[in-house]
Amino acid sequence: MVKVKLILIAMVICTISLLSACGGSDEINSRPSNKPKENSAQDTFRNEDKKEKTNAEKFLEYAIKAADLRNFTKTGNYAGIISTLYDIYEEDIVNPYTGGSSIYVMNRTRTYMENKNMSVTKGYGVDCVVIDDYMTDLAEIDTNEVVYCVNPESKGMVIAFWFKDGVYIYEVNENGEKINEIKHFFEEE
C-alpha cells in the first residue's frame, strides 16, 4: 500500500513538473531581450491578409480566370466559359454543411426544370447559372429580386449568375438567405 502511495505521489510530482515546464508563453520565453516588440498595427494587417476567403470570393477568382482564358469581353463565349470553369476548377470550394465540393454548371434554368430529380444540386459545393440570351446586363438587374435555389439541400451553396457584362455571386446560408454577395463587372477591352 505504501508503495502504491509513493508511486502516485511520484506521478503527481512528475505531472506538475511537466506542466510547469511546458506552461507560459513561448513568445515571451523565446524572444531575446534585445529584440524590439513588433508593431501591433503590423500584426493586425498581417491577420487581415491571412483572413480566409469566402466561397463566393473563391468562385469569383475562377470566374475572372475563365473570362480571361476565353477572352470573354470580346467574344461573349458563354459555352466556352462553362467548359473552362469545369477545366480549371480544383474542388477547393467546400459546402460547409454538406462537405460537397463539386461544380455544377447549367445553361439557363431550363436545364434544371427538365431534370426529373429536382434535387440535382444535393451535396454540391458550387452552382453556376449561365444566362445566354446575349441581352441581359448585370447593370440592369436588381439583385434584391434575384431569388434562386432555396431548397433545403441548397444551404451552403455558391450561386453564380453569368451576364453579358459581369457575374453576380452569392452563397446560400442555412436559412436559404443570400450572404457574401458579389457583383463583378467585366471591363470592356
N, C-alpha and C. Protein backbone atom coordinates (compact mmCIF):
# COMPACT_ATOMS: atom_id res chain seq x y z
N MET A 1 0.82 -1.19 0.00
CA MET A 1 0.00 0.00 0.00
C MET A 1 0.87 1.26 0.00
N VAL A 2 1.94 1.22 0.80
CA VAL A 2 2.86 2.35 0.88
C VAL A 2 3.53 2.55 -0.49
N LYS A 3 3.83 1.44 -1.15
CA LYS A 3 4.47 1.51 -2.46
C LYS A 3 3.54 2.19 -3.48
N VAL A 4 2.25 1.89 -3.43
CA VAL A 4 1.27 2.49 -4.34
C VAL A 4 1.17 3.98 -4.09
N LYS A 5 1.17 4.39 -2.82
CA LYS A 5 1.10 5.82 -2.49
C LYS A 5 2.34 6.55 -2.99
N LEU A 6 3.50 5.94 -2.84
CA LEU A 6 4.73 6.57 -3.30
C LEU A 6 4.73 6.72 -4.84
N ILE A 7 4.21 5.72 -5.52
CA ILE A 7 4.13 5.80 -6.97
C ILE A 7 3.19 6.92 -7.39
N LEU A 8 2.03 7.03 -6.73
CA LEU A 8 1.07 8.09 -7.02
C LEU A 8 1.66 9.47 -6.76
N ILE A 9 2.36 9.61 -5.64
CA ILE A 9 2.98 10.90 -5.31
C ILE A 9 4.03 11.25 -6.36
N ALA A 10 4.83 10.25 -6.77
CA ALA A 10 5.86 10.49 -7.79
C ALA A 10 5.21 10.90 -9.12
N MET A 11 4.08 10.29 -9.47
CA MET A 11 3.38 10.63 -10.70
C MET A 11 2.85 12.06 -10.65
N VAL A 12 2.31 12.45 -9.49
CA VAL A 12 1.78 13.81 -9.33
C VAL A 12 2.92 14.82 -9.46
N ILE A 13 4.04 14.55 -8.82
CA ILE A 13 5.19 15.46 -8.89
C ILE A 13 5.70 15.58 -10.33
N CYS A 14 5.79 14.44 -11.03
CA CYS A 14 6.24 14.47 -12.44
C CYS A 14 5.27 15.26 -13.31
N THR A 15 3.98 15.06 -13.08
CA THR A 15 2.97 15.77 -13.86
C THR A 15 3.07 17.27 -13.63
N ILE A 16 3.19 17.66 -12.38
CA ILE A 16 3.31 19.09 -12.05
C ILE A 16 4.58 19.68 -12.67
N SER A 17 5.66 18.93 -12.60
CA SER A 17 6.92 19.40 -13.19
C SER A 17 6.78 19.58 -14.70
N LEU A 18 6.16 18.62 -15.34
CA LEU A 18 5.97 18.72 -16.80
C LEU A 18 5.07 19.89 -17.17
N LEU A 19 3.99 20.07 -16.41
CA LEU A 19 3.08 21.17 -16.70
C LEU A 19 3.75 22.52 -16.51
N SER A 20 4.53 22.65 -15.48
CA SER A 20 5.19 23.93 -15.24
C SER A 20 6.27 24.19 -16.29
N ALA A 21 6.93 23.13 -16.74
CA ALA A 21 7.96 23.30 -17.78
C ALA A 21 7.35 23.66 -19.12
N CYS A 22 6.17 23.12 -19.41
CA CYS A 22 5.51 23.39 -20.69
C CYS A 22 4.68 24.66 -20.66
N GLY A 23 4.35 25.15 -19.52
CA GLY A 23 3.47 26.32 -19.40
C GLY A 23 4.18 27.60 -19.78
N GLY A 24 3.41 28.69 -19.79
CA GLY A 24 3.97 30.00 -20.10
C GLY A 24 3.92 30.29 -21.58
N SER A 25 4.20 31.50 -21.93
CA SER A 25 4.14 31.95 -23.32
C SER A 25 5.47 31.70 -24.01
N ASP A 26 5.42 30.95 -25.10
CA ASP A 26 6.63 30.68 -25.87
C ASP A 26 7.20 31.97 -26.45
N GLU A 27 6.31 32.88 -26.80
CA GLU A 27 6.76 34.13 -27.43
C GLU A 27 7.63 34.92 -26.46
N ILE A 28 7.23 34.98 -25.19
CA ILE A 28 8.00 35.75 -24.20
C ILE A 28 9.29 35.03 -23.90
N ASN A 29 9.25 33.69 -23.73
CA ASN A 29 10.44 32.93 -23.37
C ASN A 29 11.44 32.85 -24.51
N SER A 30 11.00 32.84 -25.74
CA SER A 30 11.91 32.64 -26.85
C SER A 30 12.43 33.95 -27.45
N ARG A 31 11.85 35.08 -27.09
CA ARG A 31 12.29 36.34 -27.67
C ARG A 31 13.51 36.85 -26.92
N PRO A 32 14.60 37.13 -27.65
CA PRO A 32 15.78 37.71 -26.98
C PRO A 32 15.42 39.06 -26.39
N SER A 33 16.08 39.40 -25.29
CA SER A 33 15.74 40.64 -24.59
C SER A 33 16.06 41.88 -25.42
N ASN A 34 16.99 41.78 -26.37
CA ASN A 34 17.33 42.95 -27.16
C ASN A 34 16.47 43.09 -28.41
N LYS A 35 15.55 42.14 -28.68
CA LYS A 35 14.70 42.22 -29.87
C LYS A 35 13.51 43.13 -29.58
N PRO A 36 13.28 44.15 -30.41
CA PRO A 36 12.15 45.05 -30.17
C PRO A 36 10.83 44.35 -30.46
N LYS A 37 9.82 44.77 -29.75
CA LYS A 37 8.49 44.21 -29.96
C LYS A 37 7.94 44.73 -31.29
N GLU A 38 7.30 43.83 -32.05
CA GLU A 38 6.75 44.23 -33.34
C GLU A 38 5.57 45.17 -33.16
N ASN A 39 5.38 46.01 -34.13
CA ASN A 39 4.28 46.96 -34.12
C ASN A 39 2.95 46.23 -34.18
N SER A 40 2.05 46.53 -33.27
CA SER A 40 0.77 45.83 -33.23
C SER A 40 -0.08 46.16 -34.46
N ALA A 41 0.11 47.33 -35.07
CA ALA A 41 -0.62 47.67 -36.29
C ALA A 41 -0.22 46.73 -37.42
N GLN A 42 1.06 46.38 -37.47
CA GLN A 42 1.53 45.43 -38.48
C GLN A 42 0.93 44.05 -38.24
N ASP A 43 0.83 43.65 -36.97
CA ASP A 43 0.24 42.36 -36.65
C ASP A 43 -1.21 42.30 -37.13
N THR A 44 -1.96 43.36 -36.92
CA THR A 44 -3.35 43.42 -37.34
C THR A 44 -3.44 43.31 -38.86
N PHE A 45 -2.55 44.01 -39.55
CA PHE A 45 -2.55 43.98 -41.01
C PHE A 45 -2.25 42.57 -41.52
N ARG A 46 -1.29 41.90 -40.89
CA ARG A 46 -0.96 40.53 -41.31
C ARG A 46 -2.14 39.59 -41.08
N ASN A 47 -2.85 39.75 -39.99
CA ASN A 47 -4.00 38.90 -39.71
C ASN A 47 -5.08 39.10 -40.76
N GLU A 48 -5.27 40.32 -41.24
CA GLU A 48 -6.27 40.58 -42.27
C GLU A 48 -5.86 39.93 -43.59
N ASP A 49 -4.54 39.92 -43.87
CA ASP A 49 -4.05 39.28 -45.10
C ASP A 49 -4.32 37.79 -45.07
N LYS A 50 -4.24 37.17 -43.89
CA LYS A 50 -4.43 35.73 -43.76
C LYS A 50 -5.90 35.34 -43.63
N LYS A 51 -6.79 36.30 -43.64
CA LYS A 51 -8.21 36.02 -43.48
C LYS A 51 -8.69 35.09 -44.59
N GLU A 52 -9.40 34.07 -44.22
CA GLU A 52 -9.90 33.08 -45.18
C GLU A 52 -10.92 33.72 -46.11
N LYS A 53 -10.78 33.44 -47.40
CA LYS A 53 -11.72 33.98 -48.38
C LYS A 53 -13.04 33.22 -48.26
N THR A 54 -14.12 33.93 -48.55
CA THR A 54 -15.42 33.27 -48.58
C THR A 54 -15.49 32.42 -49.84
N ASN A 55 -16.44 31.50 -49.86
CA ASN A 55 -16.61 30.66 -51.05
C ASN A 55 -16.98 31.51 -52.27
N ALA A 56 -17.75 32.57 -52.04
CA ALA A 56 -18.12 33.46 -53.15
C ALA A 56 -16.88 34.13 -53.72
N GLU A 57 -15.96 34.57 -52.86
CA GLU A 57 -14.72 35.20 -53.32
C GLU A 57 -13.85 34.20 -54.08
N LYS A 58 -13.83 32.96 -53.60
CA LYS A 58 -13.05 31.93 -54.30
C LYS A 58 -13.64 31.69 -55.70
N PHE A 59 -14.98 31.66 -55.79
CA PHE A 59 -15.59 31.43 -57.09
C PHE A 59 -15.34 32.61 -58.03
N LEU A 60 -15.33 33.82 -57.48
CA LEU A 60 -15.05 35.00 -58.31
C LEU A 60 -13.68 34.86 -58.98
N GLU A 61 -12.70 34.34 -58.25
CA GLU A 61 -11.38 34.14 -58.84
C GLU A 61 -11.46 33.20 -60.05
N TYR A 62 -12.26 32.13 -59.94
CA TYR A 62 -12.45 31.22 -61.07
C TYR A 62 -13.16 31.93 -62.22
N ALA A 63 -14.15 32.73 -61.90
CA ALA A 63 -14.91 33.44 -62.94
C ALA A 63 -14.00 34.39 -63.72
N ILE A 64 -13.17 35.13 -63.01
CA ILE A 64 -12.26 36.06 -63.67
C ILE A 64 -11.24 35.31 -64.54
N LYS A 65 -10.71 34.21 -64.00
CA LYS A 65 -9.73 33.42 -64.75
C LYS A 65 -10.37 32.83 -66.01
N ALA A 66 -11.60 32.29 -65.88
CA ALA A 66 -12.28 31.71 -67.04
C ALA A 66 -12.58 32.78 -68.08
N ALA A 67 -13.00 33.96 -67.63
CA ALA A 67 -13.28 35.06 -68.57
C ALA A 67 -12.02 35.48 -69.31
N ASP A 68 -10.89 35.52 -68.60
CA ASP A 68 -9.64 35.88 -69.25
C ASP A 68 -9.20 34.81 -70.25
N LEU A 69 -9.30 33.55 -69.85
CA LEU A 69 -8.87 32.47 -70.73
C LEU A 69 -9.70 32.40 -72.01
N ARG A 70 -10.98 32.76 -71.92
CA ARG A 70 -11.87 32.71 -73.07
C ARG A 70 -12.03 34.05 -73.76
N ASN A 71 -11.27 35.05 -73.28
CA ASN A 71 -11.37 36.40 -73.87
C ASN A 71 -12.84 36.83 -73.94
N PHE A 72 -13.52 36.65 -72.83
CA PHE A 72 -14.97 36.77 -72.77
C PHE A 72 -15.49 38.14 -73.19
N THR A 73 -14.80 39.20 -72.80
CA THR A 73 -15.32 40.54 -73.10
C THR A 73 -15.33 40.84 -74.59
N LYS A 74 -14.51 40.15 -75.36
CA LYS A 74 -14.51 40.36 -76.81
C LYS A 74 -15.42 39.38 -77.53
N THR A 75 -15.48 38.13 -77.02
CA THR A 75 -16.20 37.09 -77.76
C THR A 75 -17.61 36.82 -77.24
N GLY A 76 -17.85 37.06 -75.95
CA GLY A 76 -19.14 36.69 -75.36
C GLY A 76 -19.35 35.19 -75.41
N ASN A 77 -18.28 34.42 -75.26
CA ASN A 77 -18.30 32.98 -75.43
C ASN A 77 -18.82 32.29 -74.16
N TYR A 78 -20.15 32.21 -74.03
CA TYR A 78 -20.76 31.61 -72.85
C TYR A 78 -20.47 30.11 -72.77
N ALA A 79 -20.57 29.41 -73.89
CA ALA A 79 -20.30 27.97 -73.88
C ALA A 79 -18.86 27.70 -73.47
N GLY A 80 -17.96 28.54 -73.93
CA GLY A 80 -16.56 28.38 -73.55
C GLY A 80 -16.34 28.60 -72.07
N ILE A 81 -17.09 29.52 -71.50
CA ILE A 81 -16.98 29.78 -70.06
C ILE A 81 -17.35 28.53 -69.28
N ILE A 82 -18.43 27.86 -69.69
CA ILE A 82 -18.87 26.66 -68.98
C ILE A 82 -17.78 25.60 -68.99
N SER A 83 -17.24 25.30 -70.16
CA SER A 83 -16.22 24.25 -70.23
C SER A 83 -14.94 24.67 -69.53
N THR A 84 -14.61 25.95 -69.59
CA THR A 84 -13.40 26.43 -68.91
C THR A 84 -13.56 26.34 -67.40
N LEU A 85 -14.73 26.67 -66.87
CA LEU A 85 -14.95 26.54 -65.44
C LEU A 85 -14.75 25.09 -65.00
N TYR A 86 -15.27 24.15 -65.77
CA TYR A 86 -15.05 22.73 -65.47
C TYR A 86 -13.57 22.39 -65.48
N ASP A 87 -12.86 22.90 -66.47
CA ASP A 87 -11.46 22.55 -66.65
C ASP A 87 -10.55 23.10 -65.54
N ILE A 88 -10.81 24.32 -65.09
CA ILE A 88 -9.89 24.94 -64.14
C ILE A 88 -10.29 24.74 -62.68
N TYR A 89 -11.51 24.26 -62.44
CA TYR A 89 -11.98 24.13 -61.06
C TYR A 89 -11.22 23.03 -60.33
N GLU A 90 -10.75 23.33 -59.14
CA GLU A 90 -9.91 22.41 -58.36
C GLU A 90 -10.60 21.85 -57.12
N GLU A 91 -11.91 21.96 -57.03
CA GLU A 91 -12.69 21.45 -55.90
C GLU A 91 -12.22 22.00 -54.56
N ASP A 92 -11.87 23.28 -54.53
CA ASP A 92 -11.44 23.90 -53.27
C ASP A 92 -12.53 24.76 -52.65
N ILE A 93 -13.71 24.78 -53.25
CA ILE A 93 -14.85 25.48 -52.65
C ILE A 93 -15.70 24.38 -52.01
N VAL A 94 -15.73 24.36 -50.70
CA VAL A 94 -16.40 23.28 -49.99
C VAL A 94 -17.64 23.80 -49.29
N ASN A 95 -18.76 23.13 -49.53
CA ASN A 95 -20.00 23.47 -48.86
C ASN A 95 -19.85 23.18 -47.37
N PRO A 96 -20.02 24.20 -46.52
CA PRO A 96 -19.78 23.99 -45.08
C PRO A 96 -20.80 23.06 -44.42
N TYR A 97 -21.94 22.82 -45.05
CA TYR A 97 -22.98 21.99 -44.45
C TYR A 97 -22.94 20.56 -44.96
N THR A 98 -22.67 20.38 -46.25
CA THR A 98 -22.71 19.03 -46.83
C THR A 98 -21.33 18.45 -47.08
N GLY A 99 -20.32 19.31 -47.14
CA GLY A 99 -18.98 18.85 -47.46
C GLY A 99 -18.75 18.67 -48.94
N GLY A 100 -19.78 18.93 -49.76
CA GLY A 100 -19.65 18.79 -51.21
C GLY A 100 -18.69 19.82 -51.78
N SER A 101 -17.98 19.44 -52.84
CA SER A 101 -17.02 20.37 -53.43
C SER A 101 -17.04 20.33 -54.96
N SER A 102 -18.05 19.72 -55.53
CA SER A 102 -18.13 19.63 -56.98
C SER A 102 -18.70 20.92 -57.55
N ILE A 103 -18.56 21.06 -58.86
CA ILE A 103 -19.14 22.22 -59.53
C ILE A 103 -20.23 21.71 -60.47
N TYR A 104 -21.34 22.40 -60.48
CA TYR A 104 -22.44 22.06 -61.37
C TYR A 104 -22.77 23.32 -62.16
N VAL A 105 -22.58 23.27 -63.44
CA VAL A 105 -22.81 24.44 -64.27
C VAL A 105 -23.94 24.14 -65.23
N MET A 106 -24.91 25.02 -65.29
CA MET A 106 -26.03 24.78 -66.19
C MET A 106 -26.29 26.00 -67.05
N ASN A 107 -26.90 25.73 -68.17
CA ASN A 107 -27.21 26.76 -69.14
C ASN A 107 -28.66 27.16 -68.98
N ARG A 108 -28.90 28.30 -68.37
CA ARG A 108 -30.24 28.78 -68.04
C ARG A 108 -30.91 27.84 -67.03
N THR A 109 -32.03 28.24 -66.50
CA THR A 109 -32.72 27.39 -65.53
C THR A 109 -33.48 26.27 -66.20
N ARG A 110 -33.63 26.31 -67.50
CA ARG A 110 -34.36 25.28 -68.22
C ARG A 110 -33.73 23.91 -67.97
N THR A 111 -32.41 23.84 -67.89
CA THR A 111 -31.72 22.59 -67.63
C THR A 111 -32.21 21.98 -66.32
N TYR A 112 -32.42 22.84 -65.35
CA TYR A 112 -32.90 22.39 -64.05
C TYR A 112 -34.31 21.82 -64.14
N MET A 113 -35.16 22.52 -64.84
CA MET A 113 -36.57 22.13 -64.88
C MET A 113 -36.78 20.82 -65.64
N GLU A 114 -35.91 20.54 -66.60
CA GLU A 114 -36.06 19.31 -67.37
C GLU A 114 -35.55 18.09 -66.61
N ASN A 115 -34.82 18.33 -65.55
CA ASN A 115 -34.28 17.21 -64.77
C ASN A 115 -35.39 16.66 -63.87
N LYS A 116 -35.65 15.36 -63.98
CA LYS A 116 -36.74 14.76 -63.19
C LYS A 116 -36.42 14.76 -61.70
N ASN A 117 -35.15 14.69 -61.36
CA ASN A 117 -34.74 14.73 -59.95
C ASN A 117 -34.40 16.18 -59.62
N MET A 118 -35.33 16.90 -59.02
CA MET A 118 -35.15 18.33 -58.81
C MET A 118 -34.09 18.66 -57.75
N SER A 119 -33.57 17.66 -57.05
CA SER A 119 -32.52 17.96 -56.08
C SER A 119 -31.15 17.61 -56.66
N VAL A 120 -30.95 17.98 -57.91
CA VAL A 120 -29.71 17.64 -58.60
C VAL A 120 -28.49 18.26 -57.94
N THR A 121 -28.68 19.33 -57.18
CA THR A 121 -27.53 20.01 -56.57
C THR A 121 -27.23 19.49 -55.18
N LYS A 122 -27.94 18.50 -54.71
CA LYS A 122 -27.70 18.00 -53.36
C LYS A 122 -26.25 17.55 -53.21
N GLY A 123 -25.59 18.13 -52.24
CA GLY A 123 -24.21 17.76 -51.97
C GLY A 123 -23.19 18.52 -52.77
N TYR A 124 -23.62 19.36 -53.68
CA TYR A 124 -22.65 20.11 -54.48
C TYR A 124 -22.17 21.34 -53.74
N GLY A 125 -20.98 21.77 -54.06
CA GLY A 125 -20.42 22.95 -53.42
C GLY A 125 -20.64 24.22 -54.21
N VAL A 126 -20.80 24.10 -55.51
CA VAL A 126 -20.88 25.28 -56.37
C VAL A 126 -21.98 25.09 -57.39
N ASP A 127 -22.62 26.16 -57.75
CA ASP A 127 -23.63 26.13 -58.79
C ASP A 127 -23.45 27.39 -59.62
N CYS A 128 -23.49 27.28 -60.91
CA CYS A 128 -23.35 28.45 -61.76
C CYS A 128 -24.43 28.43 -62.81
N VAL A 129 -25.19 29.49 -62.93
CA VAL A 129 -26.23 29.60 -63.94
C VAL A 129 -25.72 30.54 -65.01
N VAL A 130 -25.70 30.08 -66.25
CA VAL A 130 -25.27 30.94 -67.33
C VAL A 130 -26.49 31.42 -68.10
N ILE A 131 -26.70 32.72 -68.07
CA ILE A 131 -27.78 33.33 -68.84
C ILE A 131 -27.19 33.61 -70.22
N ASP A 132 -27.65 32.89 -71.23
CA ASP A 132 -27.00 33.02 -72.53
C ASP A 132 -27.90 33.64 -73.59
N ASP A 133 -28.73 34.59 -73.18
CA ASP A 133 -29.61 35.23 -74.17
C ASP A 133 -28.93 36.41 -74.86
N TYR A 134 -27.69 36.73 -74.50
CA TYR A 134 -26.91 37.81 -75.08
C TYR A 134 -27.60 39.17 -74.94
N MET A 135 -28.56 39.26 -74.04
CA MET A 135 -29.31 40.50 -73.88
C MET A 135 -29.25 41.03 -72.44
N THR A 136 -28.96 40.19 -71.47
CA THR A 136 -29.08 40.56 -70.08
C THR A 136 -27.79 41.21 -69.57
N ASP A 137 -27.94 42.39 -68.99
CA ASP A 137 -26.81 43.10 -68.37
C ASP A 137 -26.95 43.06 -66.87
N LEU A 138 -25.87 42.77 -66.18
CA LEU A 138 -25.87 42.79 -64.73
C LEU A 138 -26.24 44.18 -64.22
N ALA A 139 -25.82 45.21 -64.92
CA ALA A 139 -26.10 46.59 -64.51
C ALA A 139 -27.60 46.87 -64.44
N GLU A 140 -28.40 46.12 -65.21
CA GLU A 140 -29.84 46.34 -65.24
C GLU A 140 -30.60 45.47 -64.24
N ILE A 141 -29.93 44.56 -63.58
CA ILE A 141 -30.57 43.61 -62.67
C ILE A 141 -30.64 44.19 -61.27
N ASP A 142 -31.82 44.10 -60.66
CA ASP A 142 -31.96 44.42 -59.24
C ASP A 142 -31.69 43.13 -58.48
N THR A 143 -30.50 43.03 -57.90
CA THR A 143 -30.11 41.78 -57.25
C THR A 143 -30.97 41.45 -56.03
N ASN A 144 -31.68 42.44 -55.49
CA ASN A 144 -32.60 42.15 -54.37
C ASN A 144 -33.75 41.27 -54.82
N GLU A 145 -34.03 41.28 -56.11
CA GLU A 145 -35.13 40.48 -56.63
C GLU A 145 -34.67 39.11 -57.13
N VAL A 146 -33.36 38.85 -57.07
CA VAL A 146 -32.86 37.55 -57.51
C VAL A 146 -33.10 36.53 -56.40
N VAL A 147 -33.98 35.60 -56.68
CA VAL A 147 -34.27 34.53 -55.73
C VAL A 147 -34.08 33.23 -56.48
N TYR A 148 -33.20 32.40 -55.96
CA TYR A 148 -32.91 31.16 -56.65
C TYR A 148 -32.37 30.14 -55.66
N CYS A 149 -32.74 28.90 -55.86
CA CYS A 149 -32.14 27.79 -55.15
C CYS A 149 -32.30 27.90 -53.64
N VAL A 150 -33.53 27.81 -53.17
CA VAL A 150 -33.79 27.89 -51.74
C VAL A 150 -34.29 26.55 -51.19
N ASN A 151 -33.99 25.47 -51.88
CA ASN A 151 -34.32 24.15 -51.37
C ASN A 151 -33.49 23.86 -50.13
N PRO A 152 -34.00 23.03 -49.22
CA PRO A 152 -33.22 22.75 -48.00
C PRO A 152 -31.83 22.20 -48.30
N GLU A 153 -31.68 21.42 -49.38
CA GLU A 153 -30.37 20.86 -49.67
C GLU A 153 -29.42 21.87 -50.31
N SER A 154 -29.90 23.09 -50.56
CA SER A 154 -29.07 24.09 -51.21
C SER A 154 -28.27 24.94 -50.23
N LYS A 155 -28.48 24.75 -48.94
CA LYS A 155 -27.75 25.60 -48.00
C LYS A 155 -26.24 25.39 -48.14
N GLY A 156 -25.53 26.49 -48.09
CA GLY A 156 -24.08 26.46 -48.21
C GLY A 156 -23.56 26.53 -49.63
N MET A 157 -24.46 26.49 -50.61
CA MET A 157 -24.02 26.51 -51.99
C MET A 157 -23.57 27.91 -52.43
N VAL A 158 -22.74 27.94 -53.45
CA VAL A 158 -22.36 29.18 -54.11
C VAL A 158 -23.18 29.24 -55.39
N ILE A 159 -23.90 30.32 -55.58
CA ILE A 159 -24.72 30.51 -56.78
C ILE A 159 -24.10 31.65 -57.58
N ALA A 160 -23.91 31.44 -58.87
CA ALA A 160 -23.35 32.49 -59.73
C ALA A 160 -24.19 32.63 -60.97
N PHE A 161 -24.61 33.83 -61.26
CA PHE A 161 -25.33 34.15 -62.49
C PHE A 161 -24.37 34.89 -63.41
N TRP A 162 -24.20 34.39 -64.60
CA TRP A 162 -23.26 34.99 -65.55
C TRP A 162 -24.05 35.82 -66.55
N PHE A 163 -23.77 37.11 -66.60
CA PHE A 163 -24.47 38.02 -67.50
C PHE A 163 -23.52 38.52 -68.58
N LYS A 164 -24.07 39.29 -69.48
CA LYS A 164 -23.31 39.82 -70.61
C LYS A 164 -22.15 40.70 -70.16
N ASP A 165 -22.34 41.43 -69.06
CA ASP A 165 -21.32 42.39 -68.63
C ASP A 165 -20.68 42.06 -67.29
N GLY A 166 -21.07 40.95 -66.68
CA GLY A 166 -20.50 40.62 -65.38
C GLY A 166 -21.09 39.37 -64.78
N VAL A 167 -20.73 39.12 -63.55
CA VAL A 167 -21.20 37.94 -62.83
C VAL A 167 -21.70 38.36 -61.45
N TYR A 168 -22.82 37.77 -61.05
CA TYR A 168 -23.40 38.03 -59.72
C TYR A 168 -23.30 36.73 -58.93
N ILE A 169 -22.62 36.79 -57.79
CA ILE A 169 -22.33 35.59 -56.99
C ILE A 169 -22.84 35.79 -55.57
N TYR A 170 -23.38 34.74 -55.01
CA TYR A 170 -23.71 34.76 -53.59
C TYR A 170 -23.71 33.34 -53.04
N GLU A 171 -23.74 33.25 -51.72
CA GLU A 171 -23.85 31.97 -51.05
C GLU A 171 -25.22 31.87 -50.40
N VAL A 172 -25.68 30.66 -50.17
CA VAL A 172 -26.96 30.43 -49.51
C VAL A 172 -26.66 29.96 -48.09
N ASN A 173 -27.19 30.70 -47.10
CA ASN A 173 -26.94 30.27 -45.73
C ASN A 173 -27.94 29.18 -45.32
N GLU A 174 -27.87 28.75 -44.08
CA GLU A 174 -28.71 27.63 -43.64
C GLU A 174 -30.20 27.97 -43.63
N ASN A 175 -30.55 29.26 -43.69
CA ASN A 175 -31.95 29.66 -43.73
C ASN A 175 -32.43 29.99 -45.14
N GLY A 176 -31.60 29.70 -46.14
CA GLY A 176 -31.97 29.98 -47.53
C GLY A 176 -31.81 31.43 -47.92
N GLU A 177 -31.09 32.21 -47.13
CA GLU A 177 -30.88 33.62 -47.43
C GLU A 177 -29.54 33.82 -48.13
N LYS A 178 -29.46 34.90 -48.91
CA LYS A 178 -28.23 35.23 -49.60
C LYS A 178 -27.23 35.87 -48.64
N ILE A 179 -25.99 35.41 -48.71
CA ILE A 179 -24.90 36.03 -47.94
C ILE A 179 -23.69 36.17 -48.86
N ASN A 180 -22.75 37.00 -48.46
CA ASN A 180 -21.49 37.19 -49.19
C ASN A 180 -21.73 37.51 -50.67
N GLU A 181 -22.64 38.43 -50.93
CA GLU A 181 -22.97 38.80 -52.31
C GLU A 181 -21.83 39.58 -52.97
N ILE A 182 -21.59 39.27 -54.24
CA ILE A 182 -20.57 39.96 -55.02
C ILE A 182 -21.14 40.28 -56.40
N LYS A 183 -21.00 41.52 -56.82
CA LYS A 183 -21.30 41.91 -58.20
C LYS A 183 -19.97 42.28 -58.83
N HIS A 184 -19.60 41.58 -59.88
CA HIS A 184 -18.33 41.87 -60.56
C HIS A 184 -18.62 42.17 -62.02
N PHE A 185 -18.19 43.34 -62.47
CA PHE A 185 -18.36 43.75 -63.86
C PHE A 185 -17.09 43.51 -64.63
N PHE A 186 -17.22 42.89 -65.80
CA PHE A 186 -16.05 42.68 -66.67
C PHE A 186 -15.80 43.96 -67.44
N GLU A 187 -14.54 44.33 -67.52
CA GLU A 187 -14.17 45.55 -68.22
C GLU A 187 -14.09 45.29 -69.72
N GLU A 188 -14.72 46.17 -70.48
CA GLU A 188 -14.65 46.05 -71.93
C GLU A 188 -13.23 46.35 -72.40
N GLU A 189 -12.76 45.59 -73.37
CA GLU A 189 -11.40 45.81 -73.91
C GLU A 189 -11.48 46.65 -75.18
